[in-house]
Amino acid sequence: MPEDPIGQEMARIINEKLQRVIDRQTEHTVALANHTASLDRLEKGQEELKNLLLQVLAREPKGHL
């Protein structure tokens, strides 16, 4: 940390701003991870529904649906 009072104050302000940027980046990273997990669950559910539909279609005689 600089020894002069003005330099110390500038360093403190810069550090505070940097910490706010880091905090916001962390929040965005967590939100993105949560959205990615939600999309993965949706994709898995969609794949399960597709497989169930294919099973149903395979059992039904043509023209019965």
Protein backbone atom coordinates (compact mmCIF):
# COMPACT_ATOMS: atom_id res chain seq x y z
CA MET A 1 0.00 0.00 0.00
CA PRO A 2 1.38 3.45 -0.81
CA GLU A 3 2.66 5.48 2.14
CA ASP A 4 1.14 8.85 1.25
CA PRO A 5 -2.47 9.45 2.42
CA ILE A 6 -3.78 10.25 -1.08
CA GLY A 7 -2.18 7.13 -2.52
CA GLN A 8 -3.61 5.05 0.32
CA GLU A 9 -7.10 6.44 -0.29
CA MET A 10 -6.84 5.82 -4.03
CA ALA A 11 -5.67 2.26 -3.38
CA ARG A 12 -8.58 1.72 -0.97
CA ILE A 13 -11.10 3.03 -3.51
CA ILE A 14 -9.64 0.89 -6.28
CA ASN A 15 -9.68 -2.18 -4.04
CA GLU A 16 -13.34 -1.56 -3.11
CA LYS A 17 -14.32 -1.19 -6.76
CA LEU A 18 -12.36 -4.28 -7.69
CA GLN A 19 -14.05 -6.25 -4.92
CA ARG A 20 -17.49 -5.14 -6.19
CA VAL A 21 -16.58 -6.30 -9.69
CA ILE A 22 -15.38 -9.65 -8.34
CA ASP A 23 -18.57 -10.03 -6.26
CA ARG A 24 -20.78 -9.32 -9.29
CA GLN A 25 -18.80 -11.73 -11.44
CA THR A 26 -19.23 -14.37 -8.75
CA GLU A 27 -22.99 -13.73 -8.63
CA HIS A 28 -23.20 -14.01 -12.41
CA THR A 29 -21.16 -17.20 -12.41
CA VAL A 30 -23.45 -18.77 -9.81
CA ALA A 31 -26.56 -17.68 -11.75
CA LEU A 32 -25.12 -19.09 -14.97
CA ALA A 33 -24.31 -22.39 -13.25
CA ASN A 34 -27.88 -22.59 -11.92
CA HIS A 35 -29.32 -21.88 -15.37
CA THR A 36 -27.05 -24.47 -16.92
CA ALA A 37 -28.19 -27.06 -14.37
CA SER A 38 -31.84 -26.19 -15.11
CA LEU A 39 -31.26 -26.55 -18.84
CA ASP A 40 -29.57 -29.92 -18.26
CA ARG A 41 -32.60 -31.12 -16.25
CA LEU A 42 -34.98 -29.92 -18.97
CA GLU A 43 -32.93 -31.66 -21.64
CA LYS A 44 -32.90 -34.89 -19.64
CA GLY A 45 -36.68 -34.71 -19.12
CA GLN A 46 -37.22 -34.02 -22.81
CA GLU A 47 -35.10 -37.03 -23.72
CA GLU A 48 -37.08 -39.23 -21.29
CA LEU A 49 -40.39 -38.05 -22.78
CA LYS A 50 -39.10 -38.69 -26.28
CA ASN A 51 -38.10 -42.23 -25.33
CA LEU A 52 -41.50 -42.86 -23.72
CA LEU A 53 -43.27 -41.57 -26.82
CA LEU A 54 -41.17 -43.83 -29.03
CA GLN A 55 -42.06 -46.79 -26.80
CA VAL A 56 -45.77 -45.97 -27.03
CA LEU A 57 -45.58 -45.53 -30.79
CA ALA A 58 -43.74 -48.84 -31.15
CA ARG A 59 -46.53 -50.69 -29.25
CA GLU A 60 -49.50 -49.17 -31.04
CA PRO A 61 -50.62 -50.61 -34.36
CA LYS A 62 -50.45 -48.08 -37.19
CA GLY A 63 -53.49 -45.85 -37.44
CA HIS A 64 -54.59 -46.26 -33.78
CA LEU A 65 -53.19 -43.00 -32.44
